[in-house]
Amino acid sequence: MRYAIYVPNFGSSLGDPSVLVSLAVEAEEAGWDGFFLWDHVVRPDETVLADVWVTLGAVAARTSSIRLGPMVTSLGRRRPWKVALEASTLQRLSGGRLVLGVGAGVPDDFVPFGEPASRAEALSEGVELLRALLSGEVVEHRGPLFQASGVRFAPVEVPLWIGGNWPREVPFRAAAHGAGVVPATFVDYELVRISPDDAARMKAAFVASGGPADGDVAIWGGVLPEEVKEYEDAGVTWMFTDGGALSLEELRSYVAAGPPRSGA
C-alpha cells in the first residue's frame, strides 16, 4: 500500500499555491508516497483557486521523490492536446514522478462558460487521443469530438489513472488505456467510504473492461494499520487522505505524522 495526501486546491488557505507547495515538501519529508491535487476551474461559493498544473510545476521543482499529479483532469474541458503538452512537461520536470488522473469532469466547470458537458464521450475518446499524442508517433485522429492531423510530440511515458463515480460505467470505458483506476462513491454529494469488498469489485470491473491485471487501484478515505492487509488483498494499491476534511492546521499535523504505516 502507498499513501498520498489529496488536497482540494481552493479556498482561503488551500487555494494559496505557496501553501500547497509547502505541504508537498512537508509530505515528502514525512515519508508520504504521493501528493495529488483536485483540478477545477470553478467551485461553488469559492473565488480563490490554484491552477493545478502551475502549482504542480512548483511542487516538482521543490521535491525530488514524491509522486504527484492532478486527480482528476477533465479531458473534455482541458482538451487532450493541451493535457498532453502539460503532462509531458511536468513528467520531464519531475523526473518521471507524474501520475495523471483523467476523468469526465463535473458540470460546474462547463455550464458557466456555455460549454456542453459531453463528459463520458470526452473521456473515452480523449484518453485514446492523449495516449496517441504521448506515444511519439505522428497522430491522425478523426473522432466525434476531437481531431488531430499530422501532430507529433516527443514520446513520454505517463501513467494514466481513470477516475469516476462508482458504480457508474464511465470510469471503465477507457480502462484499456489506463494504468489504474481512481474511483469514488458519492451519495448526496457526500463521499462514502469504500469497503474492501467494493474495492475488489471495482478492480474486477476495471480488469474486465480491459485494464491491466496488475493496475493500480487508488481510493479515498483512510484506513487503520490493521485494515491495510484487507484492502491490499482486495487489490487496493494507493490510499488517499482527503485534505479537504481537515483544517490547514490539522492537515499540517497529519502530514507531519507520516503515513499510517509509520504507526503500524
Protein backbone atom coordinates (compact mmCIF):
# COMPACT_ATOMS: atom_id res chain seq x y z
CA MET A 1 0.00 0.00 0.00
CA ARG A 2 1.14 3.51 -0.82
CA TYR A 3 -0.27 6.61 0.85
CA ALA A 4 -0.98 10.04 -0.57
CA ILE A 5 -2.17 13.42 0.61
CA TYR A 6 -5.08 14.53 -1.57
CA VAL A 7 -5.82 18.24 -1.41
CA PRO A 8 -8.67 20.33 -2.85
CA ASN A 9 -6.74 23.37 -4.07
CA PHE A 10 -9.27 26.09 -3.40
CA GLY A 11 -10.39 28.28 -0.53
CA SER A 12 -8.66 30.95 1.51
CA SER A 13 -5.88 28.61 2.67
CA LEU A 14 -5.65 25.70 0.26
CA GLY A 15 -6.19 27.98 -2.72
CA ASP A 16 -2.81 29.55 -1.99
CA PRO A 17 -0.21 27.82 -4.21
CA SER A 18 2.61 28.61 -1.80
CA VAL A 19 0.72 26.77 0.95
CA LEU A 20 0.22 23.77 -1.31
CA VAL A 21 3.89 23.66 -2.26
CA SER A 22 4.92 23.81 1.40
CA LEU A 23 2.51 20.94 2.18
CA ALA A 24 4.03 18.85 -0.60
CA VAL A 25 7.55 19.47 0.73
CA GLU A 26 6.42 18.53 4.24
CA ALA A 27 4.70 15.40 2.92
CA GLU A 28 7.85 14.23 1.16
CA GLU A 29 9.93 14.85 4.27
CA ALA A 30 7.44 12.87 6.38
CA GLY A 31 7.58 9.84 4.09
CA TRP A 32 4.32 10.12 2.13
CA ASP A 33 4.33 8.45 -1.28
CA GLY A 34 2.14 10.89 -3.19
CA PHE A 35 0.77 14.42 -3.27
CA PHE A 36 -2.25 14.93 -5.51
CA LEU A 37 -4.48 17.93 -6.22
CA TRP A 38 -8.02 18.43 -7.48
CA ASP A 39 -8.50 20.04 -10.89
CA HIS A 40 -11.32 22.55 -11.24
CA VAL A 41 -11.85 25.95 -12.83
CA VAL A 42 -14.92 26.89 -10.81
CA ARG A 43 -16.10 25.84 -7.35
CA PRO A 44 -19.44 26.89 -5.83
CA ASP A 45 -19.04 29.65 -3.26
CA GLU A 46 -15.25 29.79 -3.76
CA THR A 47 -13.38 32.51 -5.64
CA VAL A 48 -9.80 31.55 -4.75
CA LEU A 49 -8.49 28.56 -6.72
CA ALA A 50 -4.95 27.48 -7.56
CA ASP A 51 -4.35 26.15 -11.05
CA VAL A 52 -3.30 22.55 -10.73
CA TRP A 53 -0.63 22.48 -13.43
CA VAL A 54 1.09 25.70 -12.36
CA THR A 55 1.08 24.54 -8.74
CA LEU A 56 2.36 21.04 -9.51
CA GLY A 57 5.18 22.55 -11.55
CA ALA A 58 6.30 24.37 -8.43
CA VAL A 59 5.85 21.18 -6.38
CA ALA A 60 8.02 19.25 -8.84
CA ALA A 61 10.76 21.87 -8.57
CA ARG A 62 10.76 21.76 -4.76
CA THR A 63 10.59 17.98 -4.26
CA SER A 64 12.59 15.02 -5.51
CA SER A 65 10.86 11.72 -4.75
CA ILE A 66 7.15 12.10 -4.02
CA ARG A 67 4.66 11.15 -6.75
CA LEU A 68 2.39 13.97 -7.88
CA GLY A 69 -0.45 14.73 -10.23
CA PRO A 70 -3.98 16.03 -10.80
CA MET A 71 -6.86 13.83 -9.62
CA VAL A 72 -8.59 14.18 -11.93
CA THR A 73 -8.30 16.27 -15.10
CA SER A 74 -11.30 16.52 -17.40
CA LEU A 75 -10.23 15.84 -20.98
CA GLY A 76 -13.42 17.42 -22.26
CA ARG A 77 -12.53 20.71 -20.62
CA ARG A 78 -8.74 20.80 -20.79
CA ARG A 79 -8.55 19.24 -24.30
CA PRO A 80 -6.31 16.18 -24.86
CA TRP A 81 -3.56 18.01 -26.79
CA LYS A 82 -3.16 20.65 -24.08
CA VAL A 83 -3.11 17.98 -21.39
CA ALA A 84 -0.53 16.01 -23.40
CA LEU A 85 1.80 19.02 -23.54
CA GLU A 86 1.31 19.84 -19.86
CA ALA A 87 1.78 16.23 -18.79
CA SER A 88 4.87 15.81 -20.94
CA THR A 89 6.38 18.98 -19.49
CA LEU A 90 5.59 18.04 -15.89
CA GLN A 91 6.86 14.49 -16.34
CA ARG A 92 10.20 15.77 -17.59
CA LEU A 93 10.39 18.46 -14.91
CA SER A 94 9.62 15.99 -12.12
CA GLY A 95 12.00 13.30 -13.32
CA GLY A 96 9.22 10.80 -14.04
CA ARG A 97 7.06 11.27 -10.93
CA LEU A 98 3.80 12.33 -12.58
CA VAL A 99 0.69 10.16 -12.34
CA LEU A 100 -2.08 11.66 -14.46
CA GLY A 101 -5.64 11.15 -13.30
CA VAL A 102 -8.24 11.71 -16.02
CA GLY A 103 -12.00 11.80 -15.82
CA ALA A 104 -15.21 13.10 -17.29
CA GLY A 105 -15.44 16.29 -15.28
CA VAL A 106 -18.33 17.98 -13.48
CA PRO A 107 -20.95 20.41 -14.82
CA ASP A 108 -19.66 23.29 -12.67
CA ASP A 109 -16.60 23.53 -14.92
CA PHE A 110 -18.61 23.58 -18.16
CA VAL A 111 -22.03 25.16 -17.67
CA PRO A 112 -20.93 28.69 -16.59
CA PHE A 113 -18.99 29.01 -19.85
CA GLY A 114 -21.74 27.80 -22.14
CA GLU A 115 -19.99 24.55 -23.00
CA PRO A 116 -21.79 21.21 -23.29
CA ALA A 117 -20.65 18.76 -20.66
CA SER A 118 -20.21 15.81 -23.02
CA ARG A 119 -18.31 14.09 -20.30
CA ALA A 120 -18.44 10.35 -20.89
CA GLU A 121 -17.68 10.62 -24.59
CA ALA A 122 -14.88 13.10 -23.98
CA LEU A 123 -13.25 10.71 -21.53
CA SER A 124 -13.27 7.60 -23.69
CA GLU A 125 -12.19 9.32 -26.91
CA GLY A 126 -9.94 11.77 -25.10
CA VAL A 127 -7.88 9.08 -23.40
CA GLU A 128 -7.29 7.34 -26.71
CA LEU A 129 -6.08 10.59 -28.29
CA LEU A 130 -3.99 11.51 -25.24
CA ARG A 131 -2.21 8.16 -25.37
CA ALA A 132 -1.50 8.64 -29.07
CA LEU A 133 -0.10 12.12 -28.52
CA LEU A 134 2.26 10.88 -25.79
CA SER A 135 3.47 7.93 -27.90
CA GLY A 136 5.91 9.90 -30.04
CA GLU A 137 4.19 8.78 -33.25
CA VAL A 138 2.54 11.00 -35.84
CA VAL A 139 -1.12 11.30 -34.86
CA GLU A 140 -4.02 11.22 -37.29
CA HIS A 141 -7.27 11.26 -35.35
CA ARG A 142 -10.79 11.93 -36.58
CA GLY A 143 -13.38 11.40 -33.88
CA PRO A 144 -16.82 12.67 -32.94
CA LEU A 145 -15.35 15.22 -30.52
CA PHE A 146 -11.64 15.66 -31.27
CA GLN A 147 -9.41 15.94 -34.30
CA ALA A 148 -5.65 15.91 -34.73
CA SER A 149 -3.75 15.79 -38.01
CA GLY A 150 -0.03 15.40 -38.61
CA VAL A 151 0.82 16.11 -34.96
CA ARG A 152 3.88 14.58 -33.35
CA PHE A 153 5.01 15.14 -29.76
CA ALA A 154 8.16 13.75 -28.15
CA PRO A 155 7.48 10.32 -26.57
CA VAL A 156 6.89 10.49 -22.82
CA GLU A 157 5.64 7.69 -20.58
CA VAL A 158 2.84 8.93 -18.31
CA PRO A 159 0.77 6.52 -16.20
CA LEU A 160 -2.95 7.27 -16.57
CA TRP A 161 -5.43 6.58 -13.79
CA ILE A 162 -9.07 6.62 -14.88
CA GLY A 163 -11.38 8.43 -12.45
CA GLY A 164 -15.11 8.36 -11.98
CA ASN A 165 -18.08 7.82 -9.70
CA TRP A 166 -18.60 4.15 -8.91
CA PRO A 167 -20.76 2.18 -9.77
CA ARG A 168 -21.31 4.15 -12.97
CA GLU A 169 -19.65 2.63 -16.02
CA VAL A 170 -17.88 5.81 -17.14
CA PRO A 171 -14.55 5.13 -15.32
CA PHE A 172 -14.21 1.83 -17.13
CA ARG A 173 -14.87 2.95 -20.71
CA ALA A 174 -11.23 3.97 -21.01
CA ALA A 175 -9.82 1.12 -18.91
CA ALA A 176 -7.80 -0.35 -21.78
CA HIS A 177 -5.73 2.85 -21.93
CA GLY A 178 -5.22 3.20 -18.19
CA ALA A 179 -2.57 2.04 -15.75
CA GLY A 180 -5.03 2.25 -12.87
CA VAL A 181 -8.40 3.41 -11.66
CA VAL A 182 -9.25 6.07 -9.09
CA PRO A 183 -12.98 5.63 -8.35
CA ALA A 184 -15.10 7.25 -5.68
CA THR A 185 -18.64 6.85 -4.40
CA PHE A 186 -20.86 9.81 -3.56
CA VAL A 187 -24.31 9.90 -2.02
CA ASP A 188 -25.98 13.33 -1.95
CA TYR A 189 -22.58 14.89 -2.77
CA GLU A 190 -21.01 13.27 0.30
CA LEU A 191 -18.03 10.94 -0.14
CA VAL A 192 -18.79 7.39 1.01
CA ARG A 193 -16.02 5.20 2.35
CA ILE A 194 -15.29 2.30 0.01
CA SER A 195 -15.22 -1.12 1.67
CA PRO A 196 -12.69 -3.82 0.75
CA ASP A 197 -15.50 -5.79 -0.95
CA ASP A 198 -16.43 -2.78 -3.07
CA ALA A 199 -12.77 -2.21 -3.89
CA ALA A 200 -12.44 -5.80 -5.08
CA ARG A 201 -15.50 -5.36 -7.32
CA MET A 202 -14.04 -2.12 -8.73
CA LYS A 203 -10.77 -3.84 -9.54
CA ALA A 204 -12.61 -6.73 -11.22
CA ALA A 205 -14.70 -4.33 -13.31
CA PHE A 206 -11.59 -2.40 -14.33
CA VAL A 207 -9.79 -5.56 -15.47
CA ALA A 208 -12.90 -6.92 -17.21
CA SER A 209 -13.11 -3.65 -19.16
CA GLY A 210 -9.58 -4.04 -20.48
CA GLY A 211 -7.46 -2.61 -17.66
CA PRO A 212 -4.21 -4.35 -16.64
CA ALA A 213 -4.50 -7.08 -14.02
CA ASP A 214 -1.60 -5.51 -12.12
CA GLY A 215 -3.03 -1.98 -12.42
CA ASP A 216 -3.32 0.44 -9.54
CA VAL A 217 -6.49 0.97 -7.54
CA ALA A 218 -6.45 4.26 -5.64
CA ILE A 219 -9.30 5.12 -3.28
CA TRP A 220 -10.18 7.99 -0.99
CA GLY A 221 -10.57 7.59 2.71
CA GLY A 222 -8.22 6.47 5.37
CA VAL A 223 -7.51 3.11 6.89
CA LEU A 224 -6.17 1.95 10.19
CA PRO A 225 -2.94 -0.05 10.06
CA GLU A 226 -4.82 -3.23 10.94
CA GLU A 227 -7.11 -2.74 7.92
CA VAL A 228 -4.34 -2.41 5.34
CA LYS A 229 -3.99 -6.14 4.60
CA GLU A 230 -7.69 -6.49 3.83
CA TYR A 231 -7.57 -3.62 1.34
CA GLU A 232 -4.36 -4.90 -0.22
CA ASP A 233 -5.97 -8.31 -0.71
CA ALA A 234 -8.83 -6.52 -2.50
CA GLY A 235 -6.34 -5.01 -4.96
CA VAL A 236 -6.02 -1.50 -3.50
CA THR A 237 -2.53 -0.10 -4.06
CA TRP A 238 -3.00 3.54 -3.03
CA MET A 239 -4.95 5.17 -0.21
CA PHE A 240 -5.71 8.90 -0.38
CA THR A 241 -6.30 11.10 2.64
CA ASP A 242 -8.72 13.88 1.75
CA GLY A 243 -7.14 17.12 2.93
CA GLY A 244 -10.43 18.91 2.42
CA ALA A 245 -11.83 17.21 5.50
CA LEU A 246 -9.25 18.91 7.72
CA SER A 247 -8.37 22.47 8.61
CA LEU A 248 -4.97 23.67 7.43
CA GLU A 249 -3.51 23.29 10.92
CA GLU A 250 -4.93 19.79 11.26
CA LEU A 251 -3.69 18.88 7.81
CA ARG A 252 -0.16 20.06 8.58
CA SER A 253 -0.15 17.97 11.76
CA TYR A 254 -1.50 14.96 9.90
CA VAL A 255 1.10 15.33 7.15
CA ALA A 256 3.92 15.69 9.67
CA ALA A 257 2.88 12.47 11.43
CA GLY A 258 3.61 10.49 8.28
CA PRO A 259 1.55 7.81 6.54
CA PRO A 260 -0.37 5.23 8.62
CA ARG A 261 2.27 2.57 8.13
CA SER A 262 4.56 4.65 10.38
CA GLY A 263 2.46 3.61 13.35
CA ALA A 264 1.88 0.03 12.27
